[in-house]
N, C-alpha and C. Protein backbone atom coordinates (compact mmCIF):
# COMPACT_ATOMS: atom_id res chain seq x y z
N MET A 1 46.63 152.34 141.04
CA MET A 1 46.26 151.04 140.74
C MET A 1 47.15 149.85 141.55
N SER A 2 46.86 148.90 141.95
CA SER A 2 47.30 148.04 142.50
C SER A 2 47.94 147.08 141.78
N LYS A 3 49.19 146.44 142.03
CA LYS A 3 50.12 145.79 141.50
C LYS A 3 49.28 144.62 140.86
N ALA A 4 48.07 144.36 141.86
CA ALA A 4 47.73 143.27 141.56
C ALA A 4 46.45 142.99 140.23
N PHE A 5 46.21 144.23 140.05
CA PHE A 5 45.53 144.36 138.58
C PHE A 5 46.38 145.15 137.37
N THR A 6 47.57 144.83 137.38
CA THR A 6 48.43 144.79 136.31
C THR A 6 48.72 143.60 135.71
N LYS A 7 49.02 143.69 134.17
CA LYS A 7 49.47 142.96 133.21
C LYS A 7 50.90 142.81 133.67
N GLU A 8 51.81 141.26 133.42
CA GLU A 8 52.65 141.33 133.60
C GLU A 8 53.06 140.61 132.24
N ASP A 9 54.63 141.01 131.64
CA ASP A 9 54.84 140.25 130.57
C ASP A 9 54.93 138.94 130.23
N ASP A 10 54.01 138.53 129.06
CA ASP A 10 54.00 137.29 129.34
C ASP A 10 54.99 136.28 128.28
N SER A 11 55.51 137.49 128.07
CA SER A 11 56.66 137.02 126.73
C SER A 11 58.00 136.31 127.78
N ARG A 12 58.06 136.08 129.08
CA ARG A 12 59.15 136.02 129.57
C ARG A 12 58.64 134.57 130.30
N PRO A 13 59.65 133.73 129.89
CA PRO A 13 58.95 132.22 130.54
C PRO A 13 59.69 132.25 132.27
N GLU A 14 58.55 131.24 132.33
CA GLU A 14 58.81 131.25 133.85
C GLU A 14 59.87 130.25 134.21
N ALA A 15 60.39 131.09 135.65
CA ALA A 15 61.80 130.63 135.93
C ALA A 15 61.49 129.45 136.73
N ARG A 16 60.59 128.77 137.33
CA ARG A 16 60.27 127.81 137.73
C ARG A 16 58.93 127.05 137.79
N PRO A 17 58.94 125.88 137.56
CA PRO A 17 57.81 125.29 137.85
C PRO A 17 56.80 125.17 139.04
N VAL A 18 55.84 125.31 139.49
CA VAL A 18 55.03 125.33 140.43
C VAL A 18 55.02 123.94 140.65
N ARG A 19 55.52 124.39 142.54
CA ARG A 19 55.92 123.12 143.13
C ARG A 19 54.62 122.39 143.71
N ARG A 20 54.53 121.36 143.82
CA ARG A 20 53.22 120.29 144.09
C ARG A 20 53.68 120.76 145.80
N PRO A 21 52.54 121.29 146.28
CA PRO A 21 52.36 121.44 148.02
C PRO A 21 52.58 120.50 148.55
N ALA A 22 53.20 120.08 149.99
CA ALA A 22 53.34 118.78 150.57
C ALA A 22 51.90 118.37 151.23
N ALA A 23 51.81 116.77 151.03
CA ALA A 23 50.53 116.05 151.48
C ALA A 23 50.05 116.99 152.98
N VAL A 24 48.73 116.90 152.68
CA VAL A 24 48.15 117.15 154.37
C VAL A 24 47.55 116.31 154.91
N LEU A 25 47.67 115.92 155.99
CA LEU A 25 47.19 114.68 156.57
C LEU A 25 46.59 115.15 157.45
N PRO A 26 45.20 114.41 158.40
CA PRO A 26 45.22 115.04 159.08
C PRO A 26 45.51 114.62 160.28
N PRO A 27 45.74 115.56 161.82
CA PRO A 27 46.58 115.20 162.84
C PRO A 27 46.38 113.95 163.45
N GLY A 28 47.66 113.19 163.42
CA GLY A 28 47.74 112.12 164.11
C GLY A 28 47.56 111.04 162.90
N ALA A 29 47.31 111.11 161.73
CA ALA A 29 47.04 110.44 160.86
C ALA A 29 48.46 109.95 159.92
N SER A 30 48.32 108.75 159.68
CA SER A 30 49.85 108.06 159.39
C SER A 30 49.65 108.22 157.85
N ASN A 31 51.45 108.21 157.27
CA ASN A 31 51.79 108.76 156.11
C ASN A 31 51.65 107.69 155.28
N TYR A 32 50.81 107.04 154.55
CA TYR A 32 50.65 105.56 153.95
C TYR A 32 51.20 105.42 152.56
N LEU A 33 51.71 104.70 152.26
CA LEU A 33 52.61 104.83 150.95
C LEU A 33 52.16 103.19 150.33
N THR A 34 51.54 103.18 149.24
CA THR A 34 51.61 101.74 148.39
C THR A 34 52.94 101.15 148.56
N ALA A 35 53.25 99.96 148.54
CA ALA A 35 54.66 99.31 148.13
C ALA A 35 55.19 99.94 147.10
N ASP A 36 54.19 99.89 145.97
CA ASP A 36 54.97 100.14 144.51
C ASP A 36 55.06 101.67 144.53
N GLY A 37 54.39 102.50 145.05
CA GLY A 37 54.59 103.91 145.02
C GLY A 37 55.84 104.31 146.03
N ALA A 38 56.16 103.63 146.86
CA ALA A 38 57.47 103.62 147.91
C ALA A 38 58.49 103.10 146.97
N ARG A 39 58.63 101.84 145.94
CA ARG A 39 59.38 101.92 145.16
C ARG A 39 60.09 102.72 144.35
N ARG A 40 58.70 103.73 143.60
CA ARG A 40 59.06 104.64 142.67
C ARG A 40 59.69 105.73 143.40
N PHE A 41 59.47 106.37 144.15
CA PHE A 41 59.76 107.02 144.98
C PHE A 41 61.55 107.31 145.50
N ARG A 42 61.51 105.67 145.68
CA ARG A 42 63.15 105.55 145.76
C ARG A 42 64.30 105.70 144.70
N GLU A 43 63.55 105.26 143.49
CA GLU A 43 64.12 105.00 142.18
C GLU A 43 64.06 106.50 141.75
N GLU A 44 63.01 107.43 142.02
CA GLU A 44 63.29 108.83 141.66
C GLU A 44 64.38 109.51 142.44
N LEU A 45 64.25 109.14 144.01
CA LEU A 45 65.15 109.56 144.56
C LEU A 45 67.13 109.23 144.26
N THR A 46 67.22 107.81 143.84
CA THR A 46 68.41 107.68 143.79
C THR A 46 68.81 108.44 142.27
N ARG A 47 67.72 108.37 141.29
CA ARG A 47 68.01 108.83 139.98
C ARG A 47 68.22 110.45 139.78
N LEU A 48 67.66 111.17 140.63
CA LEU A 48 67.88 112.31 141.13
C LEU A 48 69.18 112.80 141.87
N GLN A 49 69.50 111.80 142.97
CA GLN A 49 70.67 112.08 143.25
C GLN A 49 71.85 111.96 142.36
N ASP A 50 71.96 110.65 142.12
CA ASP A 50 72.84 110.02 141.39
C ASP A 50 73.22 110.68 140.07
N VAL A 51 71.92 110.99 139.38
CA VAL A 51 72.41 111.14 137.86
C VAL A 51 72.45 112.70 137.60
N GLU A 52 70.94 113.26 137.72
CA GLU A 52 70.41 114.43 137.17
C GLU A 52 71.31 115.60 137.82
N ARG A 53 71.10 115.69 139.49
CA ARG A 53 71.72 116.57 139.98
C ARG A 53 73.45 116.47 139.74
N PRO A 54 74.08 115.76 139.63
CA PRO A 54 75.44 116.06 139.27
C PRO A 54 75.56 115.98 137.73
N GLN A 55 74.75 115.94 136.61
CA GLN A 55 74.88 116.36 135.33
C GLN A 55 74.68 117.61 135.21
N VAL A 56 73.97 118.34 135.79
CA VAL A 56 73.72 120.12 136.06
C VAL A 56 74.79 120.74 136.80
N LEU A 57 74.78 119.91 137.44
CA LEU A 57 76.35 120.24 138.33
C LEU A 57 77.68 120.40 137.38
N HIS A 58 77.98 119.47 136.79
CA HIS A 58 79.06 119.22 135.76
C HIS A 58 78.60 120.42 134.63
N ALA A 59 77.72 120.62 134.50
CA ALA A 59 77.29 120.83 132.94
C ALA A 59 77.84 122.47 132.84
N SER A 60 78.92 123.20 132.30
CA SER A 60 79.53 124.14 132.43
C SER A 60 78.65 125.50 131.40
N GLY A 61 78.65 126.32 131.52
CA GLY A 61 77.98 127.65 130.99
C GLY A 61 76.65 127.49 130.50
N ASP A 62 75.78 126.85 131.52
CA ASP A 62 74.48 126.75 131.44
C ASP A 62 73.51 127.71 132.19
N PRO A 63 73.24 129.32 131.99
CA PRO A 63 72.78 129.97 133.28
C PRO A 63 71.51 129.81 133.89
N SER A 64 71.02 128.26 133.64
CA SER A 64 69.69 127.70 134.11
C SER A 64 70.13 126.77 135.23
N GLY A 65 71.72 126.67 135.48
CA GLY A 65 71.87 125.54 135.76
C GLY A 65 71.65 125.80 137.49
N ALA A 66 71.58 127.15 138.03
CA ALA A 66 71.64 127.21 139.37
C ALA A 66 70.05 126.90 139.66
N ASP A 67 69.59 127.38 138.92
CA ASP A 67 67.85 127.21 139.37
C ASP A 67 67.78 126.30 138.87
N ARG A 68 67.95 124.71 137.94
CA ARG A 68 67.66 123.43 137.76
C ARG A 68 67.88 122.56 139.03
N VAL A 69 69.45 123.02 139.51
CA VAL A 69 70.17 122.43 141.04
C VAL A 69 69.01 122.54 141.82
N SER A 70 68.52 123.90 142.25
CA SER A 70 67.56 124.49 143.12
C SER A 70 66.46 123.39 143.22
N GLU A 71 65.87 123.48 141.93
CA GLU A 71 64.43 122.80 141.96
C GLU A 71 64.80 120.97 141.98
N LEU A 72 65.94 121.00 141.77
CA LEU A 72 66.34 119.35 142.20
C LEU A 72 66.57 119.07 143.55
N ASP A 73 66.72 120.17 144.31
CA ASP A 73 67.53 119.99 145.72
C ASP A 73 66.15 120.04 146.95
N GLU A 74 64.75 120.47 145.87
CA GLU A 74 63.76 120.95 146.41
C GLU A 74 63.00 119.38 146.46
N ARG A 75 63.10 118.62 145.52
CA ARG A 75 62.24 117.50 145.19
C ARG A 75 63.17 116.51 146.05
N ILE A 76 64.47 116.81 145.77
CA ILE A 76 64.71 115.27 146.51
C ILE A 76 64.84 115.84 147.76
N GLN A 77 64.54 116.62 148.87
CA GLN A 77 64.15 116.91 149.94
C GLN A 77 62.98 116.58 150.35
N ASP A 78 62.07 116.77 149.15
CA ASP A 78 60.27 116.58 149.47
C ASP A 78 60.62 115.07 149.09
N LEU A 79 61.03 114.08 148.39
CA LEU A 79 61.06 112.61 148.36
C LEU A 79 61.48 112.25 149.93
N ARG A 80 62.81 112.77 150.23
CA ARG A 80 63.27 112.28 151.77
C ARG A 80 62.17 112.42 152.63
N ARG A 81 61.68 113.35 152.59
CA ARG A 81 60.30 113.67 154.09
C ARG A 81 59.56 112.56 153.74
N ILE A 82 59.00 112.33 152.34
CA ILE A 82 58.01 111.22 151.98
C ILE A 82 58.29 110.10 152.64
N LEU A 83 59.48 109.79 152.22
CA LEU A 83 60.21 108.11 152.35
C LEU A 83 60.28 108.18 153.86
N ARG A 84 60.90 109.06 154.60
CA ARG A 84 61.15 109.16 155.84
C ARG A 84 59.83 108.74 156.65
N THR A 85 58.45 109.32 156.53
CA THR A 85 57.42 109.59 157.11
C THR A 85 56.83 108.20 156.95
N ALA A 86 56.93 107.95 155.85
CA ALA A 86 56.26 107.02 155.03
C ALA A 86 55.93 105.52 155.82
N THR A 87 54.53 104.87 155.81
CA THR A 87 54.35 103.89 156.66
C THR A 87 53.75 103.09 155.01
N VAL A 88 54.79 102.23 154.81
CA VAL A 88 54.45 101.09 153.49
C VAL A 88 53.63 100.08 154.25
N VAL A 89 52.29 99.95 153.36
CA VAL A 89 51.53 99.08 153.06
C VAL A 89 51.76 98.09 152.07
N LYS A 90 52.01 97.09 152.74
CA LYS A 90 52.14 95.81 151.77
C LYS A 90 51.01 95.67 151.15
N PRO A 91 51.01 95.13 149.49
CA PRO A 91 49.75 94.52 148.61
C PRO A 91 48.99 93.83 149.60
N ALA A 92 47.93 93.87 149.65
CA ALA A 92 46.57 92.67 149.71
C ALA A 92 47.27 91.06 149.48
N THR A 93 47.22 90.23 150.26
CA THR A 93 47.46 88.99 150.00
C THR A 93 45.98 87.99 150.10
N ALA A 94 45.25 88.82 150.78
CA ALA A 94 43.60 87.61 150.90
C ALA A 94 42.84 88.08 149.79
N VAL A 95 41.89 87.15 149.24
CA VAL A 95 40.90 87.37 148.71
C VAL A 95 40.43 88.89 148.20
N ALA A 96 40.14 89.14 147.04
CA ALA A 96 39.86 90.52 146.91
C ALA A 96 38.48 90.82 146.88
N ASP A 97 37.94 90.76 147.70
CA ASP A 97 36.21 90.90 148.42
C ASP A 97 35.94 92.22 148.86
N ARG A 98 37.07 92.75 149.28
CA ARG A 98 36.67 94.21 150.27
C ARG A 98 37.53 94.87 149.81
N VAL A 99 37.26 96.00 149.53
CA VAL A 99 37.77 97.49 148.92
C VAL A 99 39.18 97.74 150.39
N ARG A 100 40.59 97.60 150.33
CA ARG A 100 41.04 98.01 151.21
C ARG A 100 42.27 99.17 150.75
N PHE A 101 43.20 100.08 151.15
CA PHE A 101 44.16 100.40 150.46
C PHE A 101 45.23 99.67 149.42
N GLY A 102 45.60 100.63 148.86
CA GLY A 102 45.75 99.79 147.61
C GLY A 102 45.69 99.08 146.38
N ALA A 103 44.40 99.41 146.54
CA ALA A 103 42.91 98.43 145.93
C ALA A 103 42.98 99.43 144.31
N THR A 104 42.38 98.90 143.82
CA THR A 104 41.87 99.35 142.22
C THR A 104 40.35 98.70 142.12
N VAL A 105 39.82 100.03 142.20
CA VAL A 105 38.17 99.49 142.42
C VAL A 105 37.66 100.37 140.71
N ARG A 106 36.55 99.40 140.31
CA ARG A 106 35.90 99.69 139.20
C ARG A 106 34.75 99.48 139.85
N VAL A 107 33.56 101.05 139.48
CA VAL A 107 32.53 101.63 140.22
C VAL A 107 31.53 101.57 138.97
N ARG A 108 30.13 101.34 139.30
CA ARG A 108 29.26 101.92 138.29
C ARG A 108 28.86 103.05 138.87
N ARG A 109 28.77 104.29 138.47
CA ARG A 109 27.61 105.78 138.97
C ARG A 109 26.77 105.36 138.81
N GLY A 110 25.61 105.93 139.18
CA GLY A 110 23.83 106.12 139.06
C GLY A 110 23.71 106.20 137.56
N GLY A 111 24.35 107.43 136.70
CA GLY A 111 24.03 107.17 135.43
C GLY A 111 24.54 106.15 134.48
N GLY A 112 25.14 105.24 134.95
CA GLY A 112 25.47 104.22 134.34
C GLY A 112 26.93 104.11 134.09
N GLU A 113 27.25 105.16 133.91
CA GLU A 113 29.05 105.33 133.30
C GLU A 113 29.91 104.55 134.42
N GLU A 114 31.21 104.07 133.86
CA GLU A 114 31.96 103.25 134.68
C GLU A 114 33.38 104.33 135.25
N SER A 115 33.97 103.92 136.21
CA SER A 115 34.82 105.18 136.47
C SER A 115 36.10 103.85 137.08
N SER A 116 37.02 103.65 137.81
CA SER A 116 38.00 102.99 137.68
C SER A 116 38.97 103.78 139.21
N TYR A 117 39.09 103.59 140.26
CA TYR A 117 39.69 104.32 141.35
C TYR A 117 40.78 103.13 141.80
N ARG A 118 42.37 104.03 141.71
CA ARG A 118 43.25 102.93 142.99
C ARG A 118 43.52 103.82 143.79
N ILE A 119 43.18 103.40 145.24
CA ILE A 119 43.49 103.87 146.43
C ILE A 119 44.74 103.88 146.83
N VAL A 120 45.06 105.19 147.10
CA VAL A 120 46.81 105.53 147.46
C VAL A 120 47.28 106.29 148.49
N GLY A 121 48.35 106.46 148.99
CA GLY A 121 48.62 107.67 149.90
C GLY A 121 48.93 109.03 149.51
N VAL A 122 48.51 109.85 150.13
CA VAL A 122 48.39 111.26 149.72
C VAL A 122 49.29 111.60 148.88
N ASP A 123 50.89 111.52 148.92
CA ASP A 123 51.53 111.72 148.44
C ASP A 123 51.50 111.31 146.55
N GLU A 124 51.13 109.93 146.30
CA GLU A 124 50.67 109.22 145.48
C GLU A 124 49.37 109.90 144.40
N ALA A 125 48.77 110.40 144.91
CA ALA A 125 47.67 110.52 144.61
C ALA A 125 47.43 111.37 143.23
N ASP A 126 47.10 111.28 142.10
CA ASP A 126 47.22 111.47 140.73
C ASP A 126 45.72 111.07 140.42
N PRO A 127 44.43 112.44 140.35
CA PRO A 127 43.63 111.94 139.98
C PRO A 127 43.27 112.06 138.52
N GLY A 128 44.22 112.54 137.41
CA GLY A 128 43.94 112.32 136.06
C GLY A 128 44.46 111.16 136.01
N ARG A 129 45.01 109.79 136.64
CA ARG A 129 45.09 108.86 136.27
C ARG A 129 44.05 107.61 137.21
N GLY A 130 43.24 108.29 138.01
CA GLY A 130 42.50 107.78 138.56
C GLY A 130 42.95 107.29 140.18
N TRP A 131 44.11 108.04 140.15
CA TRP A 131 44.73 107.37 141.53
C TRP A 131 44.04 108.78 142.85
N VAL A 132 43.44 108.15 143.88
CA VAL A 132 42.72 108.75 144.84
C VAL A 132 43.27 108.68 146.06
N SER A 133 43.80 109.61 146.72
CA SER A 133 43.92 109.43 148.37
C SER A 133 43.05 109.00 149.27
N TRP A 134 43.65 107.88 150.13
CA TRP A 134 43.27 107.30 151.06
C TRP A 134 41.71 108.45 151.92
N ILE A 135 41.94 109.63 152.14
CA ILE A 135 41.53 110.57 152.65
C ILE A 135 40.57 110.91 151.79
N SER A 136 40.08 110.80 150.31
CA SER A 136 39.75 111.79 149.80
C SER A 136 38.03 111.13 149.68
N PRO A 137 37.05 111.89 149.63
CA PRO A 137 36.16 111.37 149.96
C PRO A 137 35.75 110.24 148.95
N VAL A 138 35.93 110.03 147.81
CA VAL A 138 35.80 108.71 147.13
C VAL A 138 36.17 107.47 147.46
N ALA A 139 37.37 107.69 148.13
CA ALA A 139 38.20 106.62 148.71
C ALA A 139 37.36 106.02 150.27
N LYS A 140 37.30 107.22 150.70
CA LYS A 140 36.25 106.91 152.54
C LYS A 140 35.26 106.40 152.05
N ALA A 141 34.54 106.61 150.62
CA ALA A 141 32.95 105.61 150.58
C ALA A 141 33.44 104.79 150.22
N LEU A 142 34.33 104.31 149.31
CA LEU A 142 34.65 103.05 149.16
C LEU A 142 35.40 101.77 150.07
N LEU A 143 36.17 102.74 150.96
CA LEU A 143 36.96 101.66 151.97
C LEU A 143 36.31 100.79 152.45
N ASN A 144 36.48 99.42 152.47
CA ASN A 144 35.77 98.21 153.27
C ASN A 144 34.56 97.51 152.61
N ALA A 145 34.25 98.61 151.31
CA ALA A 145 32.51 98.44 150.26
C ALA A 145 33.47 96.73 149.98
N ARG A 146 32.07 95.89 149.65
CA ARG A 146 32.14 94.40 149.05
C ARG A 146 32.12 94.34 147.69
N LEU A 147 32.48 93.77 146.84
CA LEU A 147 32.14 93.04 145.54
C LEU A 147 30.54 93.35 145.18
N GLY A 148 29.95 94.29 144.08
CA GLY A 148 28.33 94.19 144.26
C GLY A 148 27.38 95.61 145.18
N ASP A 149 28.31 95.92 146.40
CA ASP A 149 28.03 96.80 147.22
C ASP A 149 27.56 98.21 146.60
N ARG A 150 26.81 98.89 146.63
CA ARG A 150 26.23 100.13 146.61
C ARG A 150 26.77 101.19 147.80
N VAL A 151 27.40 102.53 147.46
CA VAL A 151 28.17 103.14 148.56
C VAL A 151 27.96 104.44 147.94
N ALA A 152 27.21 105.13 148.94
CA ALA A 152 26.86 106.29 149.09
C ALA A 152 28.60 107.93 148.98
N LEU A 153 28.26 108.28 147.72
CA LEU A 153 29.48 109.56 148.02
C LEU A 153 29.01 110.81 148.01
N LEU A 154 29.03 111.19 149.15
CA LEU A 154 29.16 112.46 149.23
C LEU A 154 29.94 113.78 148.57
N SER A 155 29.45 114.30 148.13
CA SER A 155 29.83 115.70 146.82
C SER A 155 29.46 116.75 147.11
N PRO A 156 30.14 118.14 146.98
CA PRO A 156 29.37 119.35 146.69
C PRO A 156 28.54 119.01 145.99
N GLU A 157 28.34 118.51 144.63
CA GLU A 157 26.88 118.68 144.02
C GLU A 157 25.96 117.58 144.55
N GLY A 158 26.05 116.96 145.77
CA GLY A 158 25.03 116.06 146.73
C GLY A 158 25.59 114.71 146.50
N GLU A 159 24.71 113.85 146.85
CA GLU A 159 24.74 112.37 146.99
C GLU A 159 24.71 111.70 145.51
N GLU A 160 26.04 110.72 145.42
CA GLU A 160 25.64 109.99 144.18
C GLU A 160 26.06 108.30 144.56
N ASP A 161 25.49 107.54 143.84
CA ASP A 161 25.22 106.21 144.08
C ASP A 161 26.67 105.43 143.25
N LEU A 162 27.54 104.58 144.00
CA LEU A 162 28.62 103.75 143.26
C LEU A 162 28.09 102.70 143.64
N GLU A 163 28.14 101.78 142.60
CA GLU A 163 28.41 100.46 142.59
C GLU A 163 29.78 99.76 142.50
N VAL A 164 29.51 98.66 143.33
CA VAL A 164 31.75 98.09 143.06
C VAL A 164 31.38 96.54 142.11
N LEU A 165 31.98 97.30 141.11
CA LEU A 165 31.93 96.28 139.98
C LEU A 165 33.21 95.00 140.11
N SER A 166 34.18 95.29 140.36
CA SER A 166 35.27 94.82 140.64
C SER A 166 36.29 95.42 141.66
N ILE A 167 37.12 94.62 142.46
CA ILE A 167 38.49 95.17 143.22
C ILE A 167 39.38 94.07 142.94
N ARG A 168 40.57 95.23 142.69
CA ARG A 168 41.87 93.67 142.76
C ARG A 168 42.89 95.11 143.05
N TYR A 169 43.74 93.72 143.50
CA TYR A 169 45.23 94.42 143.95
C TYR A 169 46.01 93.74 143.17
N GLU A 170 47.18 94.83 143.07
CA GLU A 170 48.73 94.01 142.30
C GLU A 170 49.48 93.86 143.13
N ALA A 171 50.25 93.34 143.14
CA ALA A 171 51.46 92.87 143.80
C ALA A 171 52.48 93.31 142.94
N GLY A 172 53.63 94.13 143.21
CA GLY A 172 54.92 94.50 142.84
C GLY A 172 54.85 95.31 141.49
N SER A 173 53.08 95.41 140.85
CA SER A 173 53.26 96.04 139.64
C SER A 173 52.33 97.25 139.80
N ASP A 174 52.04 97.96 138.49
CA ASP A 174 51.41 99.57 138.67
C ASP A 174 50.16 99.48 138.11
N PRO A 175 49.46 99.53 138.20
CA PRO A 175 47.86 99.44 137.55
C PRO A 175 47.55 100.45 136.91
N GLY A 176 48.49 101.28 137.07
CA GLY A 176 48.32 102.87 136.44
C GLY A 176 49.22 102.73 135.21
N GLY A 177 49.54 101.56 134.74
CA GLY A 177 50.20 101.66 133.64
C GLY A 177 51.51 102.12 133.69
N GLU A 178 52.42 102.35 134.32
CA GLU A 178 53.63 103.04 134.72
C GLU A 178 54.65 102.14 134.40
């Protein structure tokens, strides 16, 4: 029997968490980040380098220390790559009458339910919080729409109508509540 079909021991804890894959951008596309996202990534990098990694290195007798250092080093490298390749987009200062990068957009779907999306960089995307990458289908449908516009969202389930109810930009704060 192939090893693929054998059950592994479930009592053994997973040595490492699943690593988030690097964001994939279309060829030639810029790696956009919101100013808030760039700030959060810089803060995380500083915390990992200056606080967490040294703490793990100085903790003696912890058998998982080497694994944790490796995990931290991988995340540090990811953050350095993100920040090195990023084009930080300043928050919009114009009247919020058109959906642009960094906007939080509230929409009404064809069935009447409302949803909010924040259009962010690929490395910032967090669908659970309503943060969608600027290259995602919903962001592509919403970009450049105006208040009151209806846009068509194409998905594997078919076409869905979205009505733009509000557009807002937040300078220096996190509309996701972080």
